[in-house]
Each structure stands twice: as structure tokens, then as C-alpha cells.
Amino acid sequence: MAYSKLKRHNDAIGAYRQAVKINPNYFYAWNNLGNAYNELNRTGDAVNAYRQALSIDPNRAYVWFNLGIAYLKSGNQAAALEVVRNLQRLNPEQANVLFGMIGPY
């Protein structure tokens, strides 16, 4: 986490990858790995990390939101819209924010 706060995203990626190698069920490391990838516009890697976090705990609205942002950054509006549908049941307010970011579909 300290690397990310210092904007040392490549160092953060290395640390989070090591953490999930040691404990593949480390939810927070997967989410933070996705965030670090997203900061570097490595959206495919970010999506994979967020998906892994959601496979551990699918009830974390903020990870669904992060996943939606990654899809939007990659230009995949259809996938972002699907995330909105999943997010709606967990946090309708965040779902509406994400939906507003999608724009005309």
C-alpha cells in the first residue's frame, strides 16, 4: 500500500504479486494489485486482478466499481454495463455513478 501512495506503482505490483503468490486468497492484495495496474493503464491486468478479488468475495461493491472503471478505460462499455447490473444490488448509488460514466451506449 505504501508504494501505491508514493505513486510507485511498479513496486506496488511486485509487492502485491508476491503477496498473492504466498496467499492466493488475499482479497485486499488482489484488489490493490488491480488498482496499481489500473494506474498504469494496464487494464487487462487490472480486470484479471479485480476478477480474482471478486472470486474470493463477490459482495464488495467497491471492487465491482473498480472493475467497471477498468472496463471503461479499456473501451469495453458492454462489460462496464454488466458491472452496473451486478453493482446495482450491492450499492445502487455507485451503480448510478458508474452508469453515468458509461455515456451513450
N, C-alpha and C. Protein backbone atom coordinates (compact mmCIF):
# COMPACT_ATOMS: atom_id res chain seq x y z
N MET A 1 0.82 -1.18 0.00
CA MET A 1 0.00 0.00 0.00
C MET A 1 0.87 1.26 0.00
N ALA A 2 1.98 1.23 0.71
CA ALA A 2 2.85 2.40 0.78
C ALA A 2 3.38 2.77 -0.60
N TYR A 3 3.73 1.76 -1.41
CA TYR A 3 4.23 2.05 -2.75
C TYR A 3 3.18 2.78 -3.58
N SER A 4 1.94 2.34 -3.48
CA SER A 4 0.87 2.99 -4.25
C SER A 4 0.69 4.43 -3.83
N LYS A 5 0.73 4.68 -2.53
CA LYS A 5 0.57 6.06 -2.04
C LYS A 5 1.71 6.94 -2.52
N LEU A 6 2.87 6.35 -2.74
CA LEU A 6 4.02 7.09 -3.23
C LEU A 6 4.06 7.14 -4.76
N LYS A 7 3.01 6.60 -5.39
CA LYS A 7 2.92 6.54 -6.85
C LYS A 7 4.02 5.67 -7.46
N ARG A 8 4.50 4.72 -6.69
CA ARG A 8 5.50 3.76 -7.18
C ARG A 8 4.75 2.48 -7.56
N HIS A 9 3.95 2.59 -8.60
CA HIS A 9 3.02 1.52 -8.95
C HIS A 9 3.71 0.22 -9.38
N ASN A 10 4.85 0.33 -10.06
CA ASN A 10 5.56 -0.89 -10.44
C ASN A 10 6.07 -1.63 -9.21
N ASP A 11 6.54 -0.90 -8.22
CA ASP A 11 6.98 -1.53 -6.97
C ASP A 11 5.77 -2.14 -6.25
N ALA A 12 4.66 -1.43 -6.27
CA ALA A 12 3.44 -1.96 -5.64
C ALA A 12 3.01 -3.26 -6.32
N ILE A 13 3.06 -3.29 -7.64
CA ILE A 13 2.69 -4.50 -8.36
C ILE A 13 3.56 -5.67 -7.92
N GLY A 14 4.84 -5.44 -7.81
CA GLY A 14 5.74 -6.50 -7.36
C GLY A 14 5.39 -7.00 -5.97
N ALA A 15 5.10 -6.08 -5.07
CA ALA A 15 4.76 -6.45 -3.70
C ALA A 15 3.43 -7.21 -3.64
N TYR A 16 2.43 -6.72 -4.36
CA TYR A 16 1.13 -7.40 -4.34
C TYR A 16 1.19 -8.77 -5.02
N ARG A 17 1.98 -8.87 -6.08
CA ARG A 17 2.12 -10.17 -6.75
C ARG A 17 2.78 -11.18 -5.80
N GLN A 18 3.75 -10.72 -5.05
CA GLN A 18 4.40 -11.59 -4.07
C GLN A 18 3.40 -12.00 -2.99
N ALA A 19 2.57 -11.05 -2.56
CA ALA A 19 1.58 -11.34 -1.51
C ALA A 19 0.58 -12.39 -1.99
N VAL A 20 0.09 -12.27 -3.22
CA VAL A 20 -0.91 -13.25 -3.69
C VAL A 20 -0.26 -14.58 -4.06
N LYS A 21 1.03 -14.56 -4.31
CA LYS A 21 1.74 -15.81 -4.53
C LYS A 21 1.81 -16.60 -3.22
N ILE A 22 2.05 -15.89 -2.13
CA ILE A 22 2.10 -16.51 -0.81
C ILE A 22 0.71 -16.93 -0.37
N ASN A 23 -0.28 -16.06 -0.59
CA ASN A 23 -1.65 -16.35 -0.18
C ASN A 23 -2.60 -15.98 -1.33
N PRO A 24 -2.94 -16.96 -2.16
CA PRO A 24 -3.81 -16.68 -3.32
C PRO A 24 -5.21 -16.19 -2.94
N ASN A 25 -5.60 -16.33 -1.69
CA ASN A 25 -6.91 -15.86 -1.25
C ASN A 25 -6.86 -14.51 -0.54
N TYR A 26 -5.79 -13.79 -0.73
CA TYR A 26 -5.61 -12.49 -0.09
C TYR A 26 -6.39 -11.44 -0.89
N PHE A 27 -7.63 -11.28 -0.50
CA PHE A 27 -8.57 -10.42 -1.21
C PHE A 27 -8.03 -9.01 -1.43
N TYR A 28 -7.56 -8.37 -0.36
CA TYR A 28 -7.12 -6.98 -0.46
C TYR A 28 -5.93 -6.82 -1.39
N ALA A 29 -5.04 -7.80 -1.39
CA ALA A 29 -3.89 -7.72 -2.29
C ALA A 29 -4.34 -7.78 -3.75
N TRP A 30 -5.32 -8.63 -4.04
CA TRP A 30 -5.83 -8.72 -5.42
C TRP A 30 -6.45 -7.39 -5.84
N ASN A 31 -7.27 -6.81 -4.96
CA ASN A 31 -7.89 -5.53 -5.29
C ASN A 31 -6.84 -4.44 -5.48
N ASN A 32 -5.89 -4.38 -4.57
CA ASN A 32 -4.85 -3.35 -4.68
C ASN A 32 -3.95 -3.58 -5.89
N LEU A 33 -3.73 -4.83 -6.24
CA LEU A 33 -2.98 -5.13 -7.46
C LEU A 33 -3.73 -4.58 -8.67
N GLY A 34 -5.04 -4.79 -8.68
CA GLY A 34 -5.85 -4.22 -9.76
C GLY A 34 -5.74 -2.71 -9.81
N ASN A 35 -5.77 -2.07 -8.66
CA ASN A 35 -5.64 -0.61 -8.61
C ASN A 35 -4.30 -0.15 -9.17
N ALA A 36 -3.23 -0.85 -8.81
CA ALA A 36 -1.91 -0.47 -9.32
C ALA A 36 -1.84 -0.65 -10.83
N TYR A 37 -2.36 -1.76 -11.32
CA TYR A 37 -2.39 -1.96 -12.77
C TYR A 37 -3.23 -0.87 -13.45
N ASN A 38 -4.35 -0.54 -12.86
CA ASN A 38 -5.23 0.48 -13.44
C ASN A 38 -4.52 1.82 -13.52
N GLU A 39 -3.73 2.16 -12.51
CA GLU A 39 -2.98 3.42 -12.52
C GLU A 39 -1.99 3.48 -13.67
N LEU A 40 -1.52 2.33 -14.09
CA LEU A 40 -0.55 2.27 -15.19
C LEU A 40 -1.23 1.98 -16.53
N ASN A 41 -2.55 2.04 -16.54
CA ASN A 41 -3.34 1.77 -17.74
C ASN A 41 -3.14 0.37 -18.28
N ARG A 42 -2.81 -0.55 -17.40
CA ARG A 42 -2.73 -1.97 -17.77
C ARG A 42 -4.08 -2.59 -17.45
N THR A 43 -5.08 -2.19 -18.23
CA THR A 43 -6.46 -2.52 -17.89
C THR A 43 -6.76 -4.01 -17.97
N GLY A 44 -6.15 -4.72 -18.88
CA GLY A 44 -6.36 -6.17 -18.93
C GLY A 44 -5.89 -6.84 -17.66
N ASP A 45 -4.72 -6.45 -17.19
CA ASP A 45 -4.21 -7.00 -15.93
C ASP A 45 -5.07 -6.56 -14.75
N ALA A 46 -5.55 -5.31 -14.79
CA ALA A 46 -6.42 -4.82 -13.72
C ALA A 46 -7.71 -5.63 -13.66
N VAL A 47 -8.31 -5.87 -14.82
CA VAL A 47 -9.54 -6.67 -14.87
C VAL A 47 -9.30 -8.05 -14.28
N ASN A 48 -8.21 -8.68 -14.65
CA ASN A 48 -7.91 -10.02 -14.12
C ASN A 48 -7.75 -10.00 -12.60
N ALA A 49 -7.07 -8.99 -12.08
CA ALA A 49 -6.87 -8.90 -10.62
C ALA A 49 -8.20 -8.65 -9.90
N TYR A 50 -9.01 -7.74 -10.43
CA TYR A 50 -10.32 -7.48 -9.81
C TYR A 50 -11.20 -8.72 -9.87
N ARG A 51 -11.18 -9.42 -10.99
CA ARG A 51 -11.97 -10.65 -11.11
C ARG A 51 -11.53 -11.68 -10.07
N GLN A 52 -10.23 -11.75 -9.84
CA GLN A 52 -9.73 -12.68 -8.82
C GLN A 52 -10.22 -12.27 -7.43
N ALA A 53 -10.17 -10.97 -7.14
CA ALA A 53 -10.68 -10.49 -5.85
C ALA A 53 -12.16 -10.83 -5.70
N LEU A 54 -12.93 -10.63 -6.77
CA LEU A 54 -14.37 -10.92 -6.71
C LEU A 54 -14.67 -12.40 -6.61
N SER A 55 -13.75 -13.23 -7.10
CA SER A 55 -13.95 -14.68 -6.93
C SER A 55 -13.81 -15.08 -5.47
N ILE A 56 -13.07 -14.29 -4.71
CA ILE A 56 -12.89 -14.54 -3.28
C ILE A 56 -14.06 -13.96 -2.49
N ASP A 57 -14.46 -12.75 -2.85
CA ASP A 57 -15.58 -12.10 -2.16
C ASP A 57 -16.37 -11.26 -3.17
N PRO A 58 -17.46 -11.80 -3.69
CA PRO A 58 -18.23 -11.09 -4.72
C PRO A 58 -19.14 -10.00 -4.18
N ASN A 59 -19.12 -9.76 -2.89
CA ASN A 59 -20.03 -8.80 -2.28
C ASN A 59 -19.38 -7.47 -1.92
N ARG A 60 -18.26 -7.19 -2.52
CA ARG A 60 -17.56 -5.92 -2.25
C ARG A 60 -17.86 -4.95 -3.39
N ALA A 61 -18.75 -4.01 -3.12
CA ALA A 61 -19.21 -3.08 -4.15
C ALA A 61 -18.05 -2.29 -4.75
N TYR A 62 -17.09 -1.88 -3.92
CA TYR A 62 -16.02 -1.04 -4.44
C TYR A 62 -15.15 -1.79 -5.45
N VAL A 63 -15.05 -3.10 -5.34
CA VAL A 63 -14.28 -3.85 -6.33
C VAL A 63 -15.05 -3.93 -7.65
N TRP A 64 -16.37 -4.11 -7.55
CA TRP A 64 -17.18 -4.06 -8.77
C TRP A 64 -17.02 -2.71 -9.45
N PHE A 65 -17.03 -1.64 -8.66
CA PHE A 65 -16.86 -0.30 -9.21
C PHE A 65 -15.49 -0.17 -9.89
N ASN A 66 -14.45 -0.64 -9.21
CA ASN A 66 -13.10 -0.60 -9.79
C ASN A 66 -13.05 -1.37 -11.11
N LEU A 67 -13.69 -2.54 -11.13
CA LEU A 67 -13.74 -3.35 -12.34
C LEU A 67 -14.43 -2.57 -13.46
N GLY A 68 -15.53 -1.91 -13.13
CA GLY A 68 -16.22 -1.12 -14.14
C GLY A 68 -15.36 -0.01 -14.70
N ILE A 69 -14.60 0.64 -13.84
CA ILE A 69 -13.68 1.70 -14.29
C ILE A 69 -12.64 1.11 -15.24
N ALA A 70 -12.10 -0.04 -14.90
CA ALA A 70 -11.10 -0.68 -15.77
C ALA A 70 -11.70 -0.99 -17.14
N TYR A 71 -12.93 -1.51 -17.14
CA TYR A 71 -13.58 -1.78 -18.42
C TYR A 71 -13.78 -0.50 -19.22
N LEU A 72 -14.20 0.57 -18.56
CA LEU A 72 -14.38 1.83 -19.27
C LEU A 72 -13.06 2.34 -19.84
N LYS A 73 -11.99 2.24 -19.06
CA LYS A 73 -10.68 2.70 -19.54
C LYS A 73 -10.24 1.90 -20.75
N SER A 74 -10.67 0.64 -20.82
CA SER A 74 -10.28 -0.20 -21.96
C SER A 74 -11.24 -0.04 -23.13
N GLY A 75 -12.31 0.74 -22.95
CA GLY A 75 -13.26 0.96 -24.03
C GLY A 75 -14.36 -0.09 -24.12
N ASN A 76 -14.46 -0.95 -23.12
CA ASN A 76 -15.44 -2.03 -23.15
C ASN A 76 -16.70 -1.60 -22.39
N GLN A 77 -17.54 -0.83 -23.07
CA GLN A 77 -18.76 -0.32 -22.44
C GLN A 77 -19.75 -1.43 -22.11
N ALA A 78 -19.81 -2.46 -22.94
CA ALA A 78 -20.74 -3.57 -22.69
C ALA A 78 -20.40 -4.26 -21.37
N ALA A 79 -19.12 -4.51 -21.14
CA ALA A 79 -18.71 -5.14 -19.88
C ALA A 79 -18.97 -4.21 -18.71
N ALA A 80 -18.73 -2.91 -18.89
CA ALA A 80 -18.99 -1.95 -17.81
C ALA A 80 -20.48 -1.93 -17.47
N LEU A 81 -21.33 -2.04 -18.47
CA LEU A 81 -22.77 -2.07 -18.24
C LEU A 81 -23.17 -3.32 -17.46
N GLU A 82 -22.54 -4.43 -17.75
CA GLU A 82 -22.79 -5.65 -16.99
C GLU A 82 -22.37 -5.48 -15.53
N VAL A 83 -21.28 -4.78 -15.31
CA VAL A 83 -20.84 -4.49 -13.95
C VAL A 83 -21.89 -3.64 -13.23
N VAL A 84 -22.46 -2.67 -13.94
CA VAL A 84 -23.52 -1.84 -13.34
C VAL A 84 -24.65 -2.73 -12.84
N ARG A 85 -25.02 -3.70 -13.63
CA ARG A 85 -26.10 -4.62 -13.22
C ARG A 85 -25.74 -5.37 -11.95
N ASN A 86 -24.52 -5.84 -11.85
CA ASN A 86 -24.08 -6.53 -10.64
C ASN A 86 -23.97 -5.58 -9.45
N LEU A 87 -23.50 -4.39 -9.71
CA LEU A 87 -23.30 -3.41 -8.66
C LEU A 87 -24.63 -2.89 -8.11
N GLN A 88 -25.66 -2.90 -8.93
CA GLN A 88 -26.96 -2.36 -8.53
C GLN A 88 -27.48 -3.01 -7.25
N ARG A 89 -27.27 -4.30 -7.10
CA ARG A 89 -27.79 -4.99 -5.92
C ARG A 89 -26.96 -4.70 -4.67
N LEU A 90 -25.71 -4.32 -4.84
CA LEU A 90 -24.82 -4.08 -3.70
C LEU A 90 -24.80 -2.62 -3.27
N ASN A 91 -24.77 -1.73 -4.25
CA ASN A 91 -24.67 -0.31 -3.94
C ASN A 91 -25.27 0.48 -5.11
N PRO A 92 -26.58 0.72 -5.06
CA PRO A 92 -27.24 1.42 -6.16
C PRO A 92 -26.63 2.79 -6.47
N GLU A 93 -26.15 3.48 -5.46
CA GLU A 93 -25.55 4.81 -5.70
C GLU A 93 -24.30 4.69 -6.56
N GLN A 94 -23.42 3.74 -6.21
CA GLN A 94 -22.22 3.54 -7.02
C GLN A 94 -22.59 3.06 -8.42
N ALA A 95 -23.62 2.23 -8.51
CA ALA A 95 -24.07 1.75 -9.82
C ALA A 95 -24.51 2.93 -10.69
N ASN A 96 -25.21 3.88 -10.10
CA ASN A 96 -25.66 5.05 -10.85
C ASN A 96 -24.49 5.92 -11.29
N VAL A 97 -23.51 6.06 -10.42
CA VAL A 97 -22.31 6.84 -10.79
C VAL A 97 -21.62 6.18 -11.97
N LEU A 98 -21.40 4.87 -11.89
CA LEU A 98 -20.74 4.16 -12.98
C LEU A 98 -21.56 4.25 -14.26
N PHE A 99 -22.87 4.08 -14.15
CA PHE A 99 -23.74 4.16 -15.31
C PHE A 99 -23.60 5.54 -15.98
N GLY A 100 -23.53 6.58 -15.16
CA GLY A 100 -23.36 7.92 -15.70
C GLY A 100 -22.05 8.12 -16.43
N MET A 101 -21.04 7.34 -16.08
CA MET A 101 -19.73 7.43 -16.73
C MET A 101 -19.71 6.70 -18.07
N ILE A 102 -20.65 5.80 -18.27
CA ILE A 102 -20.65 5.00 -19.49
C ILE A 102 -21.00 5.86 -20.70
N GLY A 103 -21.92 6.76 -20.54
CA GLY A 103 -22.30 7.63 -21.65
C GLY A 103 -23.22 6.91 -22.61
N PRO A 104 -23.41 7.46 -23.79
CA PRO A 104 -24.33 6.83 -24.75
C PRO A 104 -23.84 5.43 -25.14
N TYR A 105 -24.74 4.51 -25.11
CA TYR A 105 -24.36 3.12 -25.43
C TYR A 105 -25.12 2.66 -26.63
